[in-house]
Amino acid sequence: MKLMKIVGDVKEKKILLLQGPMGSYFNTLDTKFTNEGAKVFRIGFNAGDEFFARTDHYTGYKDKPKNWQKFVEEFYKKYDIQMLFVFGDCRFYQKIAIDIAQKLQIEVFVFEEGYIRPNFITLEKYGVNGYSPQPKDRTFYDNLIFDDNLIQEIENVVKFKSTFIKLAREAIIYYWVANLFYHKYPYYIHHRNFSLMDEFKAGCKNVFRKYKYKFIERGLNNRFKNELSKKYYFVPLQTHGDFQIKTHSKYKNIEAFIKEVMESFSKNAPKETFLVFKHHPVDRGRRNHANYIKNLAYILGIKHRVIVTWDVHLPTLLKNAIGTVVINSTVGISSLYHETPTICLGDAIYDIEGLTSLGLTIDEFWSEYKEVDTELFKKFRGYLIKTTQINSNFYL
């Protein structure tokens, strides 16, 4: 099993599973490790965590955030924890837990959504994304050799049907329980809005906008394939509260990124080209950047050269773009897969000489972009899948 290849032997190890993704995935992990002979402990921070944990070795942290560092350090020492598993490495509780674990020489493993999507989840030792230990030296990948058996193993992927319904169901239960019993965890701080009503409204808006723009934009896919093909640059937007922006880039928010890209495009891009934005699907019910982008386009005198989309087919946008501009989104990896020149304006694991336009400024990129070395990308992608990607889903 790929999970155990990454983690190694857990027999007689004392393991802490800290919170985890919404739902029951960490229960599956709990059972797996227990069956392998490990002693598993759980810590959660709200009633939603407690509801899904459903185990007698669960501990609820109910104290103030300022006391978390002392609590988790004492917990590690009391139970002689040897391995820590978390989901994401930038959230308040997780980041402190990781810092203390590393000081105590506890092995840290971090889950995240897949670098390669769909059909994969990420598991790395030490950290993910900007904290990932993945090599970023081109020479390392140039020297890799993949035999036919390894290539077959990498490409032999089980494809999963959409898990949106289960995700939505577990999210509703999680938020409902956590809000209903908030008094049990009165000091809990969430990484984004934790209101059940606000999340419900966002979910409804998401569904409404999905089908609304699917209808409104029904002709855009063909336009990008035909009359606009290789006449535009593509900018996939990340979520407004993405820790990859806050932690692994210079930008305070997504609006600052949009502003810099549009100002540079207006001054430096060939006049016959267009700039195409696409909203992040997770943000569909929470943020609408269209007015901000259109107003800025008007001020910059490029209102007829800017297109804002919501639900256009992502591979179509990538394949037909001149180039892609990202902060550090995993869409950048998809862009490289489609051999589209790509520039990263933040810290990304794939920002490597030969893959991206590393070394260029955004002003230079519009006319001097660098082509993707396809052989190098195959090696990078293969190594990434082999060492960090598990063919699974958090909501199966």
Protein backbone atom coordinates (compact mmCIF):
# COMPACT_ATOMS: atom_id res chain seq x y z
CA MET A 1 0.00 0.00 0.00
CA LYS A 2 1.42 3.40 -1.05
CA LEU A 3 0.53 4.99 2.30
CA MET A 4 2.72 2.56 4.21
CA LYS A 5 5.57 2.93 1.70
CA ILE A 6 5.72 6.64 2.53
CA VAL A 7 5.19 6.23 6.28
CA GLY A 8 7.25 3.08 6.88
CA ASP A 9 6.86 0.61 9.74
CA VAL A 10 4.45 1.78 12.46
CA LYS A 11 4.45 -1.35 14.63
CA GLU A 12 4.58 -0.39 18.32
CA LYS A 13 4.82 3.30 17.35
CA LYS A 14 2.83 5.92 19.25
CA ILE A 15 1.01 8.08 16.74
CA LEU A 16 -0.97 11.31 17.07
CA LEU A 17 -3.61 12.10 14.45
CA LEU A 18 -4.30 15.82 14.80
CA GLN A 19 -7.77 16.94 13.66
CA GLY A 20 -7.61 15.83 10.00
CA PRO A 21 -9.88 16.76 7.07
CA MET A 22 -13.63 17.05 7.64
CA GLY A 23 -15.26 13.65 7.76
CA SER A 24 -14.08 10.13 8.48
CA TYR A 25 -10.74 9.83 6.65
CA PHE A 26 -8.66 9.94 9.84
CA ASN A 27 -10.87 7.15 11.22
CA THR A 28 -9.72 5.00 8.31
CA LEU A 29 -6.13 5.97 9.10
CA ASP A 30 -6.70 5.22 12.80
CA THR A 31 -7.95 1.72 12.00
CA LYS A 32 -5.13 1.07 9.54
CA PHE A 33 -2.38 2.06 11.96
CA THR A 34 -3.99 0.20 14.86
CA ASN A 35 -4.17 -2.97 12.76
CA GLU A 36 -0.48 -2.49 11.95
CA GLY A 37 0.31 -2.58 15.68
CA ALA A 38 0.54 1.14 16.46
CA LYS A 39 -1.00 2.92 19.45
CA VAL A 40 -3.04 5.82 18.09
CA PHE A 41 -4.07 9.04 19.83
CA ARG A 42 -6.44 11.70 18.48
CA ILE A 43 -6.81 15.42 19.22
CA GLY A 44 -9.62 17.63 17.93
CA PHE A 45 -10.64 21.24 18.42
CA ASN A 46 -14.41 21.35 17.98
CA ALA A 47 -17.51 19.19 18.29
CA GLY A 48 -17.35 18.32 14.59
CA ASP A 49 -13.94 16.76 15.12
CA GLU A 50 -15.25 14.90 18.15
CA PHE A 51 -18.33 13.61 16.30
CA PHE A 52 -16.33 12.11 13.44
CA ALA A 53 -13.52 10.75 15.65
CA ARG A 54 -15.80 8.24 17.42
CA THR A 55 -13.02 6.69 19.46
CA ASP A 56 -12.15 6.34 23.14
CA HIS A 57 -8.62 7.64 22.53
CA TYR A 58 -9.85 11.09 21.45
CA THR A 59 -8.84 14.23 23.38
CA GLY A 60 -10.66 17.49 22.87
CA TYR A 61 -8.58 20.64 23.25
CA LYS A 62 -10.95 23.16 24.85
CA ASP A 63 -8.56 25.76 26.26
CA LYS A 64 -7.55 29.13 24.83
CA PRO A 65 -5.33 29.26 21.72
CA LYS A 66 -2.49 30.90 23.67
CA ASN A 67 -2.17 27.75 25.81
CA TRP A 68 -2.05 25.31 22.88
CA GLN A 69 1.75 25.27 22.58
CA LYS A 70 2.22 24.22 26.20
CA PHE A 71 -0.59 21.66 25.98
CA VAL A 72 0.67 19.89 22.87
CA GLU A 73 4.26 19.78 24.10
CA GLU A 74 3.14 18.18 27.36
CA PHE A 75 0.91 15.76 25.41
CA TYR A 76 3.85 14.64 23.24
CA LYS A 77 6.00 13.99 26.30
CA LYS A 78 3.28 12.35 28.41
CA TYR A 79 2.36 9.78 25.75
CA ASP A 80 5.83 9.52 24.18
CA ILE A 81 4.48 10.42 20.72
CA GLN A 82 6.79 9.30 17.91
CA MET A 83 4.80 10.24 14.79
CA LEU A 84 2.46 13.16 14.04
CA PHE A 85 -0.07 13.27 11.18
CA VAL A 86 -1.85 16.49 10.21
CA PHE A 87 -3.93 17.85 7.34
CA GLY A 88 -2.24 21.01 6.08
CA ASP A 89 0.76 22.66 7.70
CA CYS A 90 -0.15 26.35 7.82
CA ARG A 91 -3.21 26.48 10.08
CA PHE A 92 -2.77 27.84 13.61
CA TYR A 93 -2.95 24.62 15.65
CA GLN A 94 -1.18 22.47 13.06
CA LYS A 95 1.73 24.87 12.58
CA ILE A 96 2.46 25.06 16.31
CA ALA A 97 2.12 21.28 16.68
CA ILE A 98 4.58 20.73 13.81
CA ASP A 99 7.12 23.21 15.20
CA ILE A 100 7.10 21.54 18.64
CA ALA A 101 7.20 18.05 17.11
CA GLN A 102 10.28 18.89 15.07
CA LYS A 103 12.07 20.28 18.13
CA LEU A 104 11.33 17.00 19.93
CA GLN A 105 12.47 14.98 16.89
CA ILE A 106 9.00 13.54 16.30
CA GLU A 107 8.40 12.42 12.71
CA VAL A 108 5.91 14.73 10.97
CA PHE A 109 3.68 13.68 8.07
CA VAL A 110 1.40 16.15 6.31
CA PHE A 111 -1.66 15.34 4.20
CA GLU A 112 -2.98 17.77 1.61
CA GLU A 113 -5.14 17.76 -1.50
CA GLY A 114 -3.36 16.16 -4.44
CA TYR A 115 -0.58 17.95 -6.28
CA ILE A 116 -1.79 15.87 -9.23
CA ARG A 117 -5.56 16.04 -9.68
CA PRO A 118 -7.93 14.34 -9.75
CA ASN A 119 -7.52 10.84 -8.21
CA PHE A 120 -4.64 11.66 -5.84
CA ILE A 121 -4.07 12.99 -2.34
CA THR A 122 -0.71 14.22 -1.05
CA LEU A 123 1.30 12.84 1.87
CA GLU A 124 4.76 14.21 2.57
CA LYS A 125 7.19 13.98 5.42
CA TYR A 126 8.09 17.35 7.02
CA GLY A 127 5.68 19.54 5.00
CA VAL A 128 3.81 20.27 1.78
CA ASN A 129 3.80 23.01 -0.87
CA GLY A 130 6.25 25.72 0.18
CA TYR A 131 7.48 23.56 3.07
CA SER A 132 7.92 20.48 0.90
CA PRO A 133 11.37 18.84 0.86
CA GLN A 134 10.98 17.96 -2.84
CA PRO A 135 14.17 18.73 -4.85
CA LYS A 136 14.03 21.90 -6.96
CA ASP A 137 17.34 21.36 -8.70
CA ARG A 138 16.96 20.57 -12.39
CA THR A 139 20.04 18.34 -12.36
CA PHE A 140 18.36 15.98 -9.89
CA TYR A 141 15.51 15.28 -12.31
CA ASP A 142 17.74 15.19 -15.39
CA ASN A 143 19.65 12.31 -13.79
CA LEU A 144 16.55 10.25 -12.94
CA ILE A 145 15.98 7.02 -14.85
CA PHE A 146 12.52 5.42 -14.97
CA ASP A 147 12.22 1.85 -16.22
CA ASP A 148 9.10 0.53 -17.95
CA ASN A 149 7.77 -1.15 -14.79
CA LEU A 150 7.98 2.07 -12.78
CA ILE A 151 6.34 4.07 -15.55
CA GLN A 152 3.51 1.53 -15.67
CA GLU A 153 3.11 1.72 -11.89
CA ILE A 154 2.94 5.53 -12.01
CA GLU A 155 0.38 5.60 -14.81
CA ASN A 156 -1.76 2.73 -13.47
CA VAL A 157 -4.23 5.01 -11.69
CA VAL A 158 -7.65 4.10 -10.30
CA LYS A 159 -10.08 6.82 -11.35
CA PHE A 160 -12.76 7.80 -8.86
CA LYS A 161 -16.27 9.03 -9.50
CA SER A 162 -17.19 12.44 -8.14
CA THR A 163 -17.23 12.51 -4.33
CA PHE A 164 -18.93 15.93 -4.15
CA ILE A 165 -22.15 14.57 -2.60
CA LYS A 166 -20.31 12.80 0.24
CA LEU A 167 -18.07 15.85 0.76
CA ALA A 168 -21.11 18.13 0.94
CA ARG A 169 -22.94 15.79 3.32
CA GLU A 170 -19.99 15.45 5.68
CA ALA A 171 -19.30 19.20 5.57
CA ILE A 172 -22.92 19.97 6.51
CA ILE A 173 -22.82 17.50 9.41
CA TYR A 174 -19.43 18.78 10.54
CA TYR A 175 -20.45 22.46 10.59
CA TRP A 176 -23.88 21.70 12.08
CA VAL A 177 -22.47 19.67 14.99
CA ALA A 178 -19.58 22.07 15.58
CA ASN A 179 -21.91 25.08 15.73
CA LEU A 180 -24.65 23.35 17.74
CA PHE A 181 -22.16 22.32 20.42
CA TYR A 182 -19.84 25.30 20.13
CA HIS A 183 -20.17 25.86 23.90
CA LYS A 184 -18.07 22.72 24.45
CA TYR A 185 -15.14 24.33 22.60
CA PRO A 186 -15.71 28.07 23.19
CA TYR A 187 -12.17 29.21 22.30
CA TYR A 188 -11.76 27.36 19.02
CA ILE A 189 -10.48 29.44 16.11
CA HIS A 190 -11.13 28.23 12.56
CA HIS A 191 -9.00 29.06 9.53
CA ARG A 192 -12.00 30.67 7.83
CA ASN A 193 -15.63 31.63 8.55
CA PHE A 194 -17.12 28.98 10.85
CA SER A 195 -20.75 30.05 10.77
CA LEU A 196 -23.13 27.27 9.74
CA MET A 197 -25.54 29.75 8.16
CA ASP A 198 -22.78 31.51 6.21
CA GLU A 199 -21.45 28.19 4.94
CA PHE A 200 -24.95 27.10 3.97
CA LYS A 201 -25.47 30.35 2.04
CA ALA A 202 -22.09 29.93 0.36
CA GLY A 203 -23.00 26.38 -0.62
CA CYS A 204 -26.29 27.50 -2.15
CA LYS A 205 -24.55 30.32 -4.05
CA ASN A 206 -21.94 27.86 -5.27
CA VAL A 207 -24.54 25.53 -6.78
CA PHE A 208 -26.55 28.43 -8.25
CA ARG A 209 -23.51 30.08 -9.83
CA LYS A 210 -22.18 26.77 -11.13
CA TYR A 211 -25.29 26.11 -13.20
CA LYS A 212 -25.87 29.78 -14.00
CA TYR A 213 -22.44 30.21 -15.55
CA LYS A 214 -22.46 26.77 -17.11
CA PHE A 215 -25.40 28.08 -19.15
CA ILE A 216 -24.08 31.62 -19.72
CA GLU A 217 -20.60 30.42 -20.72
CA ARG A 218 -21.76 27.47 -22.84
CA GLY A 219 -20.22 28.96 -25.99
CA LEU A 220 -16.89 30.01 -24.49
CA ASN A 221 -15.19 26.61 -24.71
CA ASN A 222 -15.46 26.69 -28.49
CA ARG A 223 -14.23 30.29 -28.61
CA PHE A 224 -11.11 29.38 -26.66
CA LYS A 225 -10.52 26.37 -28.92
CA ASN A 226 -10.94 28.38 -32.10
CA GLU A 227 -10.89 32.17 -32.51
CA LEU A 228 -9.10 32.87 -29.20
CA SER A 229 -6.67 29.94 -29.33
CA LYS A 230 -3.09 31.10 -28.61
CA LYS A 231 -4.28 34.69 -28.33
CA TYR A 232 -4.64 34.92 -24.54
CA TYR A 233 -2.81 34.46 -21.28
CA PHE A 234 -4.57 32.48 -18.55
CA VAL A 235 -4.76 33.42 -14.85
CA PRO A 236 -6.40 30.80 -12.57
CA LEU A 237 -7.40 32.44 -9.29
CA GLN A 238 -6.70 30.80 -5.95
CA THR A 239 -9.12 30.93 -3.01
CA HIS A 240 -9.28 34.23 -1.14
CA GLY A 241 -8.08 32.67 2.13
CA ASP A 242 -5.50 30.31 0.63
CA PHE A 243 -2.56 29.82 3.00
CA GLN A 244 -0.37 29.33 -0.07
CA ILE A 245 -0.89 33.04 -0.75
CA LYS A 246 -0.51 34.19 2.84
CA THR A 247 2.47 31.99 3.70
CA HIS A 248 4.27 31.24 0.45
CA SER A 249 4.01 34.46 -1.54
CA LYS A 250 4.58 38.20 -1.23
CA TYR A 251 0.88 39.01 -1.67
CA LYS A 252 -1.41 40.02 1.18
CA ASN A 253 -4.45 38.77 -0.73
CA ILE A 254 -5.63 37.61 -4.15
CA GLU A 255 -6.61 41.18 -5.13
CA ALA A 256 -2.99 42.32 -4.85
CA PHE A 257 -1.98 39.53 -7.23
CA ILE A 258 -4.74 40.43 -9.70
CA LYS A 259 -3.70 44.10 -9.64
CA GLU A 260 -0.02 43.38 -10.31
CA VAL A 261 -0.79 40.99 -13.17
CA MET A 262 -3.25 43.36 -14.85
CA GLU A 263 -0.99 46.41 -14.55
CA SER A 264 1.91 44.45 -16.05
CA PHE A 265 -0.27 43.03 -18.83
CA SER A 266 -1.57 46.49 -19.77
CA LYS A 267 1.98 47.86 -20.14
CA ASN A 268 3.95 44.91 -21.52
CA ALA A 269 1.77 42.29 -23.25
CA PRO A 270 1.33 42.33 -27.04
CA LYS A 271 -1.64 44.60 -27.83
CA GLU A 272 -3.53 41.92 -29.78
CA THR A 273 -3.61 39.50 -26.80
CA PHE A 274 -6.23 38.92 -24.11
CA LEU A 275 -6.09 38.19 -20.37
CA VAL A 276 -8.45 35.46 -19.12
CA PHE A 277 -9.28 34.94 -15.43
CA LYS A 278 -11.06 31.93 -13.95
CA HIS A 279 -12.60 31.86 -10.46
CA HIS A 280 -11.59 29.03 -8.17
CA PRO A 281 -14.50 26.55 -7.88
CA VAL A 282 -14.27 26.49 -4.06
CA ASP A 283 -14.64 30.29 -4.01
CA ARG A 284 -17.66 30.28 -6.33
CA GLY A 285 -20.08 30.80 -3.45
CA ARG A 286 -17.86 33.06 -1.36
CA ARG A 287 -16.20 35.59 -3.64
CA ASN A 288 -17.00 37.35 -6.89
CA HIS A 289 -13.92 39.07 -8.31
CA ALA A 290 -15.60 40.00 -11.60
CA ASN A 291 -16.45 43.59 -10.70
CA TYR A 292 -13.00 44.26 -9.24
CA ILE A 293 -11.33 42.91 -12.38
CA LYS A 294 -13.66 44.76 -14.77
CA ASN A 295 -13.28 48.08 -12.92
CA LEU A 296 -9.51 47.76 -12.92
CA ALA A 297 -9.54 46.84 -16.61
CA TYR A 298 -11.52 50.01 -17.33
CA ILE A 299 -9.04 52.15 -15.37
CA LEU A 300 -6.09 50.55 -17.17
CA GLY A 301 -7.70 50.95 -20.59
CA ILE A 302 -7.87 47.21 -21.34
CA LYS A 303 -11.58 46.52 -20.74
CA HIS A 304 -11.96 44.90 -24.18
CA ARG A 305 -8.95 42.64 -23.61
CA VAL A 306 -9.97 41.09 -20.28
CA ILE A 307 -12.30 38.09 -19.90
CA VAL A 308 -13.58 36.76 -16.56
CA THR A 309 -14.85 33.17 -16.42
CA TRP A 310 -16.36 30.85 -13.82
CA ASP A 311 -17.04 27.42 -15.23
CA VAL A 312 -15.13 27.06 -18.50
CA HIS A 313 -13.40 23.70 -18.93
CA LEU A 314 -9.98 24.06 -17.27
CA PRO A 315 -7.95 21.82 -19.66
CA THR A 316 -9.41 23.76 -22.60
CA LEU A 317 -8.23 27.04 -21.09
CA LEU A 318 -4.76 25.62 -20.41
CA LYS A 319 -4.21 23.92 -23.77
CA ASN A 320 -5.12 27.00 -25.80
CA ALA A 321 -3.35 29.68 -23.75
CA ILE A 322 -0.12 31.40 -24.79
CA GLY A 323 0.98 31.15 -21.17
CA THR A 324 -0.30 30.71 -17.62
CA VAL A 325 0.29 33.04 -14.66
CA VAL A 326 -0.04 31.56 -11.17
CA ILE A 327 1.01 32.35 -7.64
CA ASN A 328 1.67 28.73 -6.63
CA SER A 329 -1.55 26.90 -7.48
CA THR A 330 -1.45 23.21 -8.42
CA VAL A 331 -3.09 24.36 -11.67
CA GLY A 332 0.49 25.28 -12.55
CA ILE A 333 1.34 21.57 -12.71
CA SER A 334 -1.63 21.00 -15.01
CA SER A 335 -0.41 23.89 -17.17
CA LEU A 336 3.00 22.23 -17.51
CA TYR A 337 1.27 18.93 -18.31
CA HIS A 338 -0.38 20.67 -21.28
CA GLU A 339 3.03 22.11 -22.29
CA THR A 340 1.89 25.69 -21.69
CA PRO A 341 4.59 28.19 -20.64
CA THR A 342 4.05 29.06 -16.98
CA ILE A 343 5.31 31.66 -14.53
CA CYS A 344 5.03 31.37 -10.73
CA LEU A 345 4.84 34.58 -8.71
CA GLY A 346 5.03 32.72 -5.40
CA ASP A 347 6.95 29.75 -3.99
CA ALA A 348 5.93 26.52 -5.78
CA ILE A 349 7.41 23.02 -5.77
CA TYR A 350 7.39 22.95 -9.57
CA ASP A 351 9.10 26.32 -10.09
CA ILE A 352 12.18 24.70 -11.57
CA GLU A 353 14.54 25.72 -14.36
CA GLY A 354 13.33 24.04 -17.54
CA LEU A 355 9.75 23.69 -16.35
CA THR A 356 8.59 27.24 -15.65
CA SER A 357 9.80 30.67 -16.77
CA LEU A 358 11.98 30.82 -13.67
CA GLY A 359 14.22 33.88 -13.68
CA LEU A 360 11.84 36.11 -15.63
CA THR A 361 9.81 38.93 -14.13
CA ILE A 362 6.11 39.19 -14.87
CA ASP A 363 6.89 42.17 -17.14
CA GLU A 364 9.26 40.02 -19.20
CA PHE A 365 7.04 36.93 -19.29
CA TRP A 366 4.47 38.25 -21.77
CA SER A 367 6.97 38.30 -24.64
CA GLU A 368 9.92 36.23 -23.40
CA TYR A 369 8.21 33.22 -21.80
CA LYS A 370 10.14 29.94 -21.73
CA GLU A 371 8.85 26.73 -23.29
CA VAL A 372 8.28 23.66 -21.11
CA ASP A 373 10.90 20.90 -21.31
CA THR A 374 8.48 17.98 -21.73
CA GLU A 375 11.03 15.26 -20.91
CA LEU A 376 12.01 17.07 -17.72
CA PHE A 377 8.35 17.43 -16.77
CA LYS A 378 7.72 13.69 -17.25
CA LYS A 379 10.54 12.95 -14.82
CA PHE A 380 9.36 15.59 -12.33
CA ARG A 381 5.78 14.34 -12.47
CA GLY A 382 6.83 10.70 -12.18
CA TYR A 383 9.01 11.39 -9.15
CA LEU A 384 6.28 13.48 -7.53
CA ILE A 385 3.71 10.70 -7.94
CA LYS A 386 6.15 8.03 -6.79
CA THR A 387 7.19 9.85 -3.60
CA THR A 388 4.21 12.00 -2.51
CA GLN A 389 0.97 11.01 -4.24
CA ILE A 390 -1.49 8.37 -3.03
CA ASN A 391 -4.11 7.17 -5.48
CA SER A 392 -7.05 7.89 -3.18
CA ASN A 393 -9.61 10.47 -2.07
CA PHE A 394 -10.46 11.91 1.34
CA TYR A 395 -14.18 11.39 0.74
CA LEU A 396 -14.55 7.89 -0.71
